[in-house]
Amino acid sequence: VQLVESGGGTVQPGGSLRLTCVGSRLLMSWYAVSWYRQAPGKEREFVAGLDRSGDSANYEDSVKGRFAISRDNNKNAVYLQMNSLKPDDTAVYYCHVLTTTYWGQGTQVTVSS
């Protein structure tokens, strides 16, 4: 099983990025999924989660209204659209399949002017 994230990069404050997580040898439609992030010197923290159907999402308070999690079960993929990015959003972002030990390798997001 492998989860591969992509879409990270460096953007200026106020910019946008879209992260993608694609699973292999794992039928992601069977599971709820989530995104976490870890900033330097900090614990890994929850960012957003989405149920199996894609109908119910929840977010960490600081990203509400700016980030949107979605999924395409036909593509076995999960996305995180990040808008109005702030320097505090700088971190390595990971996708995680709930109720499993499966994590992606992470993708770096840097928000800096």
PDB file of N, CA and C in Angstrom:
ATOM      1  N   VAL A   1       0.853  -1.199   0.000  1.00  0.00           N
ATOM      2  CA  VAL A   1       0.000   0.000   0.000  1.00  0.00           C
ATOM      3  C   VAL A   1       0.882   1.240   0.000  1.00  0.00           C
ATOM      4  N   GLN A   2       0.494   2.203  -0.819  1.00  0.00           N
ATOM      5  CA  GLN A   2       1.264   3.436  -0.891  1.00  0.00           C
ATOM      6  C   GLN A   2       0.328   4.611  -1.071  1.00  0.00           C
ATOM      7  N   LEU A   3       0.586   5.681  -0.328  1.00  0.00           N
ATOM      8  CA  LEU A   3      -0.106   6.952  -0.510  1.00  0.00           C
ATOM      9  C   LEU A   3       0.923   7.960  -0.976  1.00  0.00           C
ATOM     10  N   VAL A   4       0.647   8.618  -2.079  1.00  0.00           N
ATOM     11  CA  VAL A   4       1.614   9.561  -2.640  1.00  0.00           C
ATOM     12  C   VAL A   4       0.977  10.937  -2.723  1.00  0.00           C
ATOM     13  N   GLU A   5       1.568  11.886  -1.991  1.00  0.00           N
ATOM     14  CA  GLU A   5       1.088  13.262  -2.030  1.00  0.00           C
ATOM     15  C   GLU A   5       1.876  14.058  -3.061  1.00  0.00           C
ATOM     16  N   SER A   6       1.223  15.065  -3.597  1.00  0.00           N
ATOM     17  CA  SER A   6       1.875  16.000  -4.505  1.00  0.00           C
ATOM     18  C   SER A   6       1.164  17.337  -4.409  1.00  0.00           C
ATOM     19  N   GLY A   7       1.786  18.346  -5.020  1.00  0.00           N
ATOM     20  CA  GLY A   7       1.147  19.655  -5.093  1.00  0.00           C
ATOM     21  C   GLY A   7       1.701  20.693  -4.147  1.00  0.00           C
ATOM     22  N   GLY A   8       2.629  20.297  -3.284  1.00  0.00           N
ATOM     23  CA  GLY A   8       3.223  21.272  -2.387  1.00  0.00           C
ATOM     24  C   GLY A   8       4.136  22.232  -3.137  1.00  0.00           C
ATOM     25  N   GLY A   9       4.592  23.241  -2.421  1.00  0.00           N
ATOM     26  CA  GLY A   9       5.479  24.225  -3.032  1.00  0.00           C
ATOM     27  C   GLY A   9       5.589  25.457  -2.167  1.00  0.00           C
ATOM     28  N   THR A  10       6.142  26.505  -2.748  1.00  0.00           N
ATOM     29  CA  THR A  10       6.302  27.780  -2.052  1.00  0.00           C
ATOM     30  C   THR A  10       5.399  28.821  -2.685  1.00  0.00           C
ATOM     31  N   VAL A  11       4.602  29.474  -1.858  1.00  0.00           N
ATOM     32  CA  VAL A  11       3.691  30.511  -2.343  1.00  0.00           C
ATOM     33  C   VAL A  11       3.771  31.724  -1.428  1.00  0.00           C
ATOM     34  N   GLN A  12       3.342  32.843  -1.945  1.00  0.00           N
ATOM     35  CA  GLN A  12       3.271  34.049  -1.138  1.00  0.00           C
ATOM     36  C   GLN A  12       2.011  34.032  -0.285  1.00  0.00           C
ATOM     37  N   PRO A  13       2.015  34.772   0.810  1.00  0.00           N
ATOM     38  CA  PRO A  13       0.791  34.886   1.614  1.00  0.00           C
ATOM     39  C   PRO A  13      -0.381  35.323   0.742  1.00  0.00           C
ATOM     40  N   GLY A  14      -1.523  34.700   0.973  1.00  0.00           N
ATOM     41  CA  GLY A  14      -2.706  34.969   0.166  1.00  0.00           C
ATOM     42  C   GLY A  14      -2.841  34.066  -1.037  1.00  0.00           C
ATOM     43  N   GLY A  15      -1.815  33.294  -1.318  1.00  0.00           N
ATOM     44  CA  GLY A  15      -1.845  32.412  -2.471  1.00  0.00           C
ATOM     45  C   GLY A  15      -2.608  31.126  -2.216  1.00  0.00           C
ATOM     46  N   SER A  16      -2.622  30.264  -3.236  1.00  0.00           N
ATOM     47  CA  SER A  16      -3.368  29.007  -3.167  1.00  0.00           C
ATOM     48  C   SER A  16      -2.508  27.849  -3.641  1.00  0.00           C
ATOM     49  N   LEU A  17      -2.802  26.690  -3.114  1.00  0.00           N
ATOM     50  CA  LEU A  17      -2.221  25.435  -3.560  1.00  0.00           C
ATOM     51  C   LEU A  17      -3.278  24.354  -3.469  1.00  0.00           C
ATOM     52  N   ARG A  18      -3.126  23.341  -4.305  1.00  0.00           N
ATOM     53  CA  ARG A  18      -4.010  22.175  -4.239  1.00  0.00           C
ATOM     54  C   ARG A  18      -3.159  20.929  -4.063  1.00  0.00           C
ATOM     55  N   LEU A  19      -3.335  20.259  -2.944  1.00  0.00           N
ATOM     56  CA  LEU A  19      -2.611  19.031  -2.672  1.00  0.00           C
ATOM     57  C   LEU A  19      -3.429  17.842  -3.156  1.00  0.00           C
ATOM     58  N   THR A  20      -2.726  16.826  -3.633  1.00  0.00           N
ATOM     59  CA  THR A  20      -3.357  15.598  -4.099  1.00  0.00           C
ATOM     60  C   THR A  20      -2.713  14.409  -3.401  1.00  0.00           C
ATOM     61  N   CYS A  21      -3.528  13.448  -3.041  1.00  0.00           N
ATOM     62  CA  CYS A  21      -3.044  12.193  -2.456  1.00  0.00           C
ATOM     63  C   CYS A  21      -3.691  11.051  -3.239  1.00  0.00           C
ATOM     64  N   VAL A  22      -2.855  10.219  -3.830  1.00  0.00           N
ATOM     65  CA  VAL A  22      -3.346   9.084  -4.606  1.00  0.00           C
ATOM     66  C   VAL A  22      -2.908   7.798  -3.930  1.00  0.00           C
ATOM     67  N   GLY A  23      -3.844   6.889  -3.777  1.00  0.00           N
ATOM     68  CA  GLY A  23      -3.541   5.614  -3.147  1.00  0.00           C
ATOM     69  C   GLY A  23      -3.317   4.528  -4.180  1.00  0.00           C
ATOM     70  N   SER A  24      -2.421   3.603  -3.825  1.00  0.00           N
ATOM     71  CA  SER A  24      -2.206   2.428  -4.663  1.00  0.00           C
ATOM     72  C   SER A  24      -2.339   1.178  -3.804  1.00  0.00           C
ATOM     73  N   ARG A  25      -2.900   0.148  -4.397  1.00  0.00           N
ATOM     74  CA  ARG A  25      -3.154  -1.129  -3.707  1.00  0.00           C
ATOM     75  C   ARG A  25      -4.018  -0.921  -2.463  1.00  0.00           C
ATOM     76  N   LEU A  26      -4.862   0.099  -2.518  1.00  0.00           N
ATOM     77  CA  LEU A  26      -5.777   0.387  -1.426  1.00  0.00           C
ATOM     78  C   LEU A  26      -7.010   1.040  -2.018  1.00  0.00           C
ATOM     79  N   LEU A  27      -8.179   0.474  -1.736  1.00  0.00           N
ATOM     80  CA  LEU A  27      -9.412   1.040  -2.245  1.00  0.00           C
ATOM     81  C   LEU A  27      -9.856   2.131  -1.279  1.00  0.00           C
ATOM     82  N   MET A  28      -9.463   3.365  -1.556  1.00  0.00           N
ATOM     83  CA  MET A  28      -9.685   4.461  -0.619  1.00  0.00           C
ATOM     84  C   MET A  28     -11.145   4.776  -0.404  1.00  0.00           C
ATOM     85  N   SER A  29     -12.010   4.360  -1.330  1.00  0.00           N
ATOM     86  CA  SER A  29     -13.443   4.641  -1.167  1.00  0.00           C
ATOM     87  C   SER A  29     -14.033   3.907   0.027  1.00  0.00           C
ATOM     88  N   TRP A  30     -13.321   2.909   0.536  1.00  0.00           N
ATOM     89  CA  TRP A  30     -13.814   2.173   1.695  1.00  0.00           C
ATOM     90  C   TRP A  30     -13.587   2.923   3.002  1.00  0.00           C
ATOM     91  N   TYR A  31     -12.796   3.999   2.964  1.00  0.00           N
ATOM     92  CA  TYR A  31     -12.338   4.628   4.201  1.00  0.00           C
ATOM     93  C   TYR A  31     -12.613   6.129   4.229  1.00  0.00           C
ATOM     94  N   ALA A  32     -12.799   6.631   5.448  1.00  0.00           N
ATOM     95  CA  ALA A  32     -12.693   8.067   5.638  1.00  0.00           C
ATOM     96  C   ALA A  32     -11.215   8.448   5.531  1.00  0.00           C
ATOM     97  N   VAL A  33     -10.958   9.681   5.117  1.00  0.00           N
ATOM     98  CA  VAL A  33      -9.585  10.121   4.896  1.00  0.00           C
ATOM     99  C   VAL A  33      -9.359  11.468   5.578  1.00  0.00           C
ATOM    100  N   SER A  34      -8.115  11.823   5.750  1.00  0.00           N
ATOM    101  CA  SER A  34      -7.813  13.082   6.410  1.00  0.00           C
ATOM    102  C   SER A  34      -6.473  13.632   5.948  1.00  0.00           C
ATOM    103  N   TRP A  35      -6.271  14.896   6.211  1.00  0.00           N
ATOM    104  CA  TRP A  35      -4.994  15.567   6.012  1.00  0.00           C
ATOM    105  C   TRP A  35      -4.494  16.049   7.371  1.00  0.00           C
ATOM    106  N   TYR A  36      -3.214  15.870   7.593  1.00  0.00           N
ATOM    107  CA  TYR A  36      -2.528  16.368   8.775  1.00  0.00           C
ATOM    108  C   TYR A  36      -1.363  17.231   8.311  1.00  0.00           C
ATOM    109  N   ARG A  37      -0.816  17.991   9.227  1.00  0.00           N
ATOM    110  CA  ARG A  37       0.391  18.753   8.915  1.00  0.00           C
ATOM    111  C   ARG A  37       1.304  18.803  10.128  1.00  0.00           C
ATOM    112  N   GLN A  38       2.585  18.995   9.842  1.00  0.00           N
ATOM    113  CA  GLN A  38       3.566  19.108  10.915  1.00  0.00           C
ATOM    114  C   GLN A  38       4.537  20.224  10.579  1.00  0.00           C
ATOM    115  N   ALA A  39       4.522  21.249  11.414  1.00  0.00           N
ATOM    116  CA  ALA A  39       5.448  22.364  11.263  1.00  0.00           C
ATOM    117  C   ALA A  39       6.726  22.058  12.045  1.00  0.00           C
ATOM    118  N   PRO A  40       7.822  22.708  11.680  1.00  0.00           N
ATOM    119  CA  PRO A  40       9.092  22.456  12.387  1.00  0.00           C
ATOM    120  C   PRO A  40       8.958  22.684  13.880  1.00  0.00           C
ATOM    121  N   GLY A  41       9.389  21.702  14.675  1.00  0.00           N
ATOM    122  CA  GLY A  41       9.371  21.826  16.117  1.00  0.00           C
ATOM    123  C   GLY A  41       8.009  21.653  16.762  1.00  0.00           C
ATOM    124  N   LYS A  42       7.013  21.264  15.958  1.00  0.00           N
ATOM    125  CA  LYS A  42       5.659  21.104  16.493  1.00  0.00           C
ATOM    126  C   LYS A  42       5.154  19.691  16.268  1.00  0.00           C
ATOM    127  N   GLU A  43       4.103  19.351  17.022  1.00  0.00           N
ATOM    128  CA  GLU A  43       3.459  18.062  16.852  1.00  0.00           C
ATOM    129  C   GLU A  43       2.674  18.031  15.543  1.00  0.00           C
ATOM    130  N   ARG A  44       2.490  16.829  15.004  1.00  0.00           N
ATOM    131  CA  ARG A  44       1.618  16.680  13.842  1.00  0.00           C
ATOM    132  C   ARG A  44       0.194  16.974  14.278  1.00  0.00           C
ATOM    133  N   GLU A  45      -0.528  17.757  13.465  1.00  0.00           N
ATOM    134  CA  GLU A  45      -1.886  18.153  13.837  1.00  0.00           C
ATOM    135  C   GLU A  45      -2.872  17.874  12.714  1.00  0.00           C
ATOM    136  N   PHE A  46      -4.099  17.633  13.134  1.00  0.00           N
ATOM    137  CA  PHE A  46      -5.190  17.399  12.196  1.00  0.00           C
ATOM    138  C   PHE A  46      -5.520  18.693  11.458  1.00  0.00           C
ATOM    139  N   VAL A  47      -5.802  18.573  10.162  1.00  0.00           N
ATOM    140  CA  VAL A  47      -6.189  19.721   9.347  1.00  0.00           C
ATOM    141  C   VAL A  47      -7.622  19.584   8.841  1.00  0.00           C
ATOM    142  N   ALA A  48      -7.922  18.437   8.225  1.00  0.00           N
ATOM    143  CA  ALA A  48      -9.248  18.256   7.634  1.00  0.00           C
ATOM    144  C   ALA A  48      -9.521  16.774   7.492  1.00  0.00           C
ATOM    145  N   GLY A  49     -10.813  16.416   7.562  1.00  0.00           N
ATOM    146  CA  GLY A  49     -11.220  15.032   7.392  1.00  0.00           C
ATOM    147  C   GLY A  49     -12.470  14.946   6.546  1.00  0.00           C
ATOM    148  N   LEU A  50     -12.669  13.786   5.909  1.00  0.00           N
ATOM    149  CA  LEU A  50     -13.788  13.599   5.002  1.00  0.00           C
ATOM    150  C   LEU A  50     -14.277  12.169   5.104  1.00  0.00           C
ATOM    151  N   ASP A  51     -15.596  11.995   5.130  1.00  0.00           N
ATOM    152  CA  ASP A  51     -16.141  10.647   5.247  1.00  0.00           C
ATOM    153  C   ASP A  51     -16.044   9.902   3.913  1.00  0.00           C
ATOM    154  N   ARG A  52     -16.474   8.652   3.915  1.00  0.00           N
ATOM    155  CA  ARG A  52     -16.310   7.795   2.743  1.00  0.00           C
ATOM    156  C   ARG A  52     -17.030   8.333   1.519  1.00  0.00           C
ATOM    157  N   SER A  53     -18.207   8.879   1.745  1.00  0.00           N
ATOM    158  CA  SER A  53     -19.006   9.342   0.608  1.00  0.00           C
ATOM    159  C   SER A  53     -18.570  10.704   0.089  1.00  0.00           C
ATOM    160  N   GLY A  54     -17.836  11.436   0.928  1.00  0.00           N
ATOM    161  CA  GLY A  54     -17.463  12.797   0.558  1.00  0.00           C
ATOM    162  C   GLY A  54     -18.497  13.833   0.945  1.00  0.00           C
ATOM    163  N   ASP A  55     -19.519  13.417   1.698  1.00  0.00           N
ATOM    164  CA  ASP A  55     -20.603  14.329   2.050  1.00  0.00           C
ATOM    165  C   ASP A  55     -20.364  15.095   3.346  1.00  0.00           C
ATOM    166  N   SER A  56     -19.513  14.580   4.208  1.00  0.00           N
ATOM    167  CA  SER A  56     -19.322  15.194   5.518  1.00  0.00           C
ATOM    168  C   SER A  56     -17.850  15.453   5.771  1.00  0.00           C
ATOM    169  N   ALA A  57     -17.517  16.737   5.945  1.00  0.00           N
ATOM    170  CA  ALA A  57     -16.134  17.147   6.184  1.00  0.00           C
ATOM    171  C   ALA A  57     -16.033  17.898   7.505  1.00  0.00           C
ATOM    172  N   ASN A  58     -14.860  17.857   8.092  1.00  0.00           N
ATOM    173  CA  ASN A  58     -14.610  18.679   9.268  1.00  0.00           C
ATOM    174  C   ASN A  58     -13.201  19.239   9.187  1.00  0.00           C
ATOM    175  N   TYR A  59     -12.994  20.365   9.850  1.00  0.00           N
ATOM    176  CA  TYR A  59     -11.757  21.121   9.699  1.00  0.00           C
ATOM    177  C   TYR A  59     -11.247  21.620  11.044  1.00  0.00           C
ATOM    178  N   GLU A  60      -9.944  21.746  11.121  1.00  0.00           N
ATOM    179  CA  GLU A  60      -9.331  22.441  12.243  1.00  0.00           C
ATOM    180  C   GLU A  60      -9.732  23.910  12.158  1.00  0.00           C
ATOM    181  N   ASP A  61      -9.933  24.528  13.304  1.00  0.00           N
ATOM    182  CA  ASP A  61     -10.527  25.869  13.331  1.00  0.00           C
ATOM    183  C   ASP A  61      -9.757  26.889  12.493  1.00  0.00           C
ATOM    184  N   SER A  62      -8.445  26.829  12.501  1.00  0.00           N
ATOM    185  CA  SER A  62      -7.676  27.877  11.832  1.00  0.00           C
ATOM    186  C   SER A  62      -7.760  27.813  10.314  1.00  0.00           C
ATOM    187  N   VAL A  63      -8.248  26.703   9.758  1.00  0.00           N
ATOM    188  CA  VAL A  63      -8.322  26.585   8.298  1.00  0.00           C
ATOM    189  C   VAL A  63      -9.753  26.657   7.778  1.00  0.00           C
ATOM    190  N   LYS A  64     -10.722  26.700   8.676  1.00  0.00           N
ATOM    191  CA  LYS A  64     -12.119  26.769   8.245  1.00  0.00           C
ATOM    192  C   LYS A  64     -12.346  27.983   7.357  1.00  0.00           C
ATOM    193  N   GLY A  65     -13.037  27.762   6.252  1.00  0.00           N
ATOM    194  CA  GLY A  65     -13.319  28.842   5.319  1.00  0.00           C
ATOM    195  C   GLY A  65     -12.201  29.105   4.328  1.00  0.00           C
ATOM    196  N   ARG A  66     -11.042  28.504   4.547  1.00  0.00           N
ATOM    197  CA  ARG A  66      -9.905  28.697   3.628  1.00  0.00           C
ATOM    198  C   ARG A  66      -9.523  27.408   2.904  1.00  0.00           C
ATOM    199  N   PHE A  67      -9.644  26.282   3.576  1.00  0.00           N
ATOM    200  CA  PHE A  67      -9.263  24.986   3.014  1.00  0.00           C
ATOM    201  C   PHE A  67     -10.517  24.175   2.706  1.00  0.00           C
ATOM    202  N   ALA A  68     -10.421  23.312   1.714  1.00  0.00           N
ATOM    203  CA  ALA A  68     -11.522  22.416   1.369  1.00  0.00           C
ATOM    204  C   ALA A  68     -10.961  21.049   1.007  1.00  0.00           C
ATOM    205  N   ILE A  69     -11.473  20.031   1.685  1.00  0.00           N
ATOM    206  CA  ILE A  69     -11.072  18.654   1.400  1.00  0.00           C
ATOM    207  C   ILE A  69     -12.124  18.023   0.492  1.00  0.00           C
ATOM    208  N   SER A  70     -11.675  17.240  -0.453  1.00  0.00           N
ATOM    209  CA  SER A  70     -12.596  16.562  -1.366  1.00  0.00           C
ATOM    210  C   SER A  70     -11.954  15.250  -1.794  1.00  0.00           C
ATOM    211  N   ARG A  71     -12.747  14.447  -2.496  1.00  0.00           N
ATOM    212  CA  ARG A  71     -12.231  13.167  -2.958  1.00  0.00           C
ATOM    213  C   ARG A  71     -12.845  12.801  -4.283  1.00  0.00           C
ATOM    214  N   ASP A  72     -12.130  11.997  -5.040  1.00  0.00           N
ATOM    215  CA  ASP A  72     -12.642  11.412  -6.281  1.00  0.00           C
ATOM    216  C   ASP A  72     -12.379   9.917  -6.160  1.00  0.00           C
ATOM    217  N   ASN A  73     -13.400   9.183  -5.772  1.00  0.00           N
ATOM    218  CA  ASN A  73     -13.209   7.750  -5.550  1.00  0.00           C
ATOM    219  C   ASN A  73     -12.898   7.013  -6.854  1.00  0.00           C
ATOM    220  N   ASN A  74     -13.321   7.560  -7.978  1.00  0.00           N
ATOM    221  CA  ASN A  74     -13.006   6.924  -9.268  1.00  0.00           C
ATOM    222  C   ASN A  74     -11.508   6.990  -9.565  1.00  0.00           C
ATOM    223  N   LYS A  75     -10.863   8.024  -9.035  1.00  0.00           N
ATOM    224  CA  LYS A  75      -9.426   8.194  -9.238  1.00  0.00           C
ATOM    225  C   LYS A  75      -8.618   7.734  -8.020  1.00  0.00           C
ATOM    226  N   ASN A  76      -9.334   7.247  -6.988  1.00  0.00           N
ATOM    227  CA  ASN A  76      -8.662   6.805  -5.766  1.00  0.00           C
ATOM    228  C   ASN A  76      -7.815   7.938  -5.175  1.00  0.00           C
ATOM    229  N   ALA A  77      -8.370   9.131  -5.193  1.00  0.00           N
ATOM    230  CA  ALA A  77      -7.603  10.319  -4.816  1.00  0.00           C
ATOM    231  C   ALA A  77      -8.354  11.178  -3.819  1.00  0.00           C
ATOM    232  N   VAL A  78      -7.582  11.899  -3.027  1.00  0.00           N
ATOM    233  CA  VAL A  78      -8.091  12.867  -2.064  1.00  0.00           C
ATOM    234  C   VAL A  78      -7.365  14.182  -2.313  1.00  0.00           C
ATOM    235  N   TYR A  79      -8.069  15.282  -2.136  1.00  0.00           N
ATOM    236  CA  TYR A  79      -7.500  16.587  -2.437  1.00  0.00           C
ATOM    237  C   TYR A  79      -7.635  17.521  -1.228  1.00  0.00           C
ATOM    238  N   LEU A  80      -6.761  18.491  -1.177  1.00  0.00           N
ATOM    239  CA  LEU A  80      -6.886  19.570  -0.202  1.00  0.00           C
ATOM    240  C   LEU A  80      -6.636  20.883  -0.933  1.00  0.00           C
ATOM    241  N   GLN A  81      -7.698  21.621  -1.171  1.00  0.00           N
ATOM    242  CA  GLN A  81      -7.589  22.947  -1.775  1.00  0.00           C
ATOM    243  C   GLN A  81      -7.321  23.950  -0.662  1.00  0.00           C
ATOM    244  N   MET A  82      -6.230  24.676  -0.789  1.00  0.00           N
ATOM    245  CA  MET A  82      -5.826  25.622   0.249  1.00  0.00           C
ATOM    246  C   MET A  82      -5.781  27.022  -0.345  1.00  0.00           C
ATOM    247  N   ASN A  83      -6.631  27.891   0.155  1.00  0.00           N
ATOM    248  CA  ASN A  83      -6.706  29.269  -0.310  1.00  0.00           C
ATOM    249  C   ASN A  83      -6.318  30.231   0.815  1.00  0.00           C
ATOM    250  N   SER A  84      -6.053  31.443   0.454  1.00  0.00           N
ATOM    251  CA  SER A  84      -5.703  32.488   1.436  1.00  0.00           C
ATOM    252  C   SER A  84      -4.637  31.998   2.399  1.00  0.00           C
ATOM    253  N   LEU A  85      -3.605  31.422   1.853  1.00  0.00           N
ATOM    254  CA  LEU A  85      -2.564  30.818   2.688  1.00  0.00           C
ATOM    255  C   LEU A  85      -1.834  31.861   3.514  1.00  0.00           C
ATOM    256  N   LYS A  86      -1.442  31.434   4.721  1.00  0.00           N
ATOM    257  CA  LYS A  86      -0.742  32.290   5.670  1.00  0.00           C
ATOM    258  C   LYS A  86       0.602  31.663   6.019  1.00  0.00           C
ATOM    259  N   PRO A  87       1.541  32.465   6.493  1.00  0.00           N
ATOM    260  CA  PRO A  87       2.832  31.878   6.904  1.00  0.00           C
ATOM    261  C   PRO A  87       2.679  30.759   7.932  1.00  0.00           C
ATOM    262  N   ASP A  88       1.679  30.866   8.801  1.00  0.00           N
ATOM    263  CA  ASP A  88       1.448  29.819   9.811  1.00  0.00           C
ATOM    264  C   ASP A  88       1.012  28.487   9.204  1.00  0.00           C
ATOM    265  N   ASP A  89       0.638  28.484   7.929  1.00  0.00           N
ATOM    266  CA  ASP A  89       0.273  27.228   7.261  1.00  0.00           C
ATOM    267  C   ASP A  89       1.501  26.462   6.789  1.00  0.00           C
ATOM    268  N   THR A  90       2.677  27.046   6.919  1.00  0.00           N
ATOM    269  CA  THR A  90       3.900  26.372   6.500  1.00  0.00           C
ATOM    270  C   THR A  90       4.112  25.096   7.301  1.00  0.00           C
ATOM    271  N   ALA A  91       4.242  23.982   6.594  1.00  0.00           N
ATOM    272  CA  ALA A  91       4.374  22.675   7.238  1.00  0.00           C
ATOM    273  C   ALA A  91       4.547  21.613   6.162  1.00  0.00           C
ATOM    274  N   VAL A  92       4.852  20.405   6.633  1.00  0.00           N
ATOM    275  CA  VAL A  92       4.763  19.238   5.758  1.00  0.00           C
ATOM    276  C   VAL A  92       3.350  18.675   5.930  1.00  0.00           C
ATOM    277  N   TYR A  93       2.679  18.472   4.820  1.00  0.00           N
ATOM    278  CA  TYR A  93       1.291  17.995   4.828  1.00  0.00           C
ATOM    279  C   TYR A  93       1.262  16.515   4.461  1.00  0.00           C
ATOM    280  N   TYR A  94       0.473  15.762   5.240  1.00  0.00           N
ATOM    281  CA  TYR A  94       0.378  14.316   5.063  1.00  0.00           C
ATOM    282  C   TYR A  94      -1.079  13.902   4.865  1.00  0.00           C
ATOM    283  N   CYS A  95      -1.318  12.948   3.995  1.00  0.00           N
ATOM    284  CA  CYS A  95      -2.647  12.348   3.953  1.00  0.00           C
ATOM    285  C   CYS A  95      -2.619  11.054   4.749  1.00  0.00           C
ATOM    286  N   HIS A  96      -3.770  10.713   5.286  1.00  0.00           N
ATOM    287  CA  HIS A  96      -3.894   9.558   6.184  1.00  0.00           C
ATOM    288  C   HIS A  96      -5.234   8.890   5.929  1.00  0.00           C
ATOM    289  N   VAL A  97      -5.221   7.592   5.875  1.00  0.00           N
ATOM    290  CA  VAL A  97      -6.449   6.824   5.727  1.00  0.00           C
ATOM    291  C   VAL A  97      -6.884   6.381   7.121  1.00  0.00           C
ATOM    292  N   LEU A  98      -8.048   6.847   7.541  1.00  0.00           N
ATOM    293  CA  LEU A  98      -8.510   6.586   8.910  1.00  0.00           C
ATOM    294  C   LEU A  98      -8.714   5.098   9.166  1.00  0.00           C
ATOM    295  N   THR A  99      -8.486   4.732  10.409  1.00  0.00           N
ATOM    296  CA  THR A  99      -8.588   3.375  10.932  1.00  0.00           C
ATOM    297  C   THR A  99      -7.507   2.453  10.356  1.00  0.00           C
ATOM    298  N   THR A 100      -6.510   3.031   9.689  1.00  0.00           N
ATOM    299  CA  THR A 100      -5.370   2.241   9.216  1.00  0.00           C
ATOM    300  C   THR A 100      -4.083   2.919   9.685  1.00  0.00           C
ATOM    301  N   THR A 101      -2.981   2.273   9.399  1.00  0.00           N
ATOM    302  CA  THR A 101      -1.679   2.858   9.721  1.00  0.00           C
ATOM    303  C   THR A 101      -1.056   3.513   8.498  1.00  0.00           C
ATOM    304  N   TYR A 102      -1.845   3.729   7.464  1.00  0.00           N
ATOM    305  CA  TYR A 102      -1.310   4.233   6.197  1.00  0.00           C
ATOM    306  C   TYR A 102      -1.206   5.745   6.189  1.00  0.00           C
ATOM    307  N   TRP A 103       0.010   6.224   5.934  1.00  0.00           N
ATOM    308  CA  TRP A 103       0.302   7.643   5.796  1.00  0.00           C
ATOM    309  C   TRP A 103       1.103   7.859   4.522  1.00  0.00           C
ATOM    310  N   GLY A 104       0.940   9.025   3.930  1.00  0.00           N
ATOM    311  CA  GLY A 104       1.794   9.389   2.818  1.00  0.00           C
ATOM    312  C   GLY A 104       3.150   9.849   3.315  1.00  0.00           C
ATOM    313  N   GLN A 105       4.031  10.150   2.356  1.00  0.00           N
ATOM    314  CA  GLN A 105       5.393  10.550   2.707  1.00  0.00           C
ATOM    315  C   GLN A 105       5.488  12.032   3.047  1.00  0.00           C
ATOM    316  N   GLY A 106       4.433  12.783   2.721  1.00  0.00           N
ATOM    317  CA  GLY A 106       4.397  14.202   3.027  1.00  0.00           C
ATOM    318  C   GLY A 106       4.816  15.062   1.852  1.00  0.00           C
ATOM    319  N   THR A 107       4.248  16.253   1.809  1.00  0.00           N
ATOM    320  CA  THR A 107       4.624  17.244   0.803  1.00  0.00           C
ATOM    321  C   THR A 107       4.783  18.591   1.499  1.00  0.00           C
ATOM    322  N   GLN A 108       5.864  19.284   1.185  1.00  0.00           N
ATOM    323  CA  GLN A 108       6.194  20.532   1.874  1.00  0.00           C
ATOM    324  C   GLN A 108       5.393  21.689   1.313  1.00  0.00           C
ATOM    325  N   VAL A 109       4.779  22.450   2.199  1.00  0.00           N
ATOM    326  CA  VAL A 109       4.106  23.696   1.843  1.00  0.00           C
ATOM    327  C   VAL A 109       4.795  24.828   2.593  1.00  0.00           C
ATOM    328  N   THR A 110       5.269  25.808   1.858  1.00  0.00           N
ATOM    329  CA  THR A 110       5.936  26.964   2.458  1.00  0.00           C
ATOM    330  C   THR A 110       5.231  28.233   1.999  1.00  0.00           C
ATOM    331  N   VAL A 111       4.802  29.024   2.965  1.00  0.00           N
ATOM    332  CA  VAL A 111       4.129  30.286   2.669  1.00  0.00           C
ATOM    333  C   VAL A 111       5.038  31.408   3.150  1.00  0.00           C
ATOM    334  N   SER A 112       5.573  32.149   2.209  1.00  0.00           N
ATOM    335  CA  SER A 112       6.560  33.163   2.555  1.00  0.00           C
ATOM    336  C   SER A 112       6.595  34.240   1.485  1.00  0.00           C
ATOM    337  N   SER A 113       6.814  35.461   1.935  1.00  0.00           N
ATOM    338  CA  SER A 113       6.972  36.553   0.984  1.00  0.00           C
ATOM    339  C   SER A 113       8.453  36.763   0.660  1.00  0.00           C
TER     340      SER A 113
END
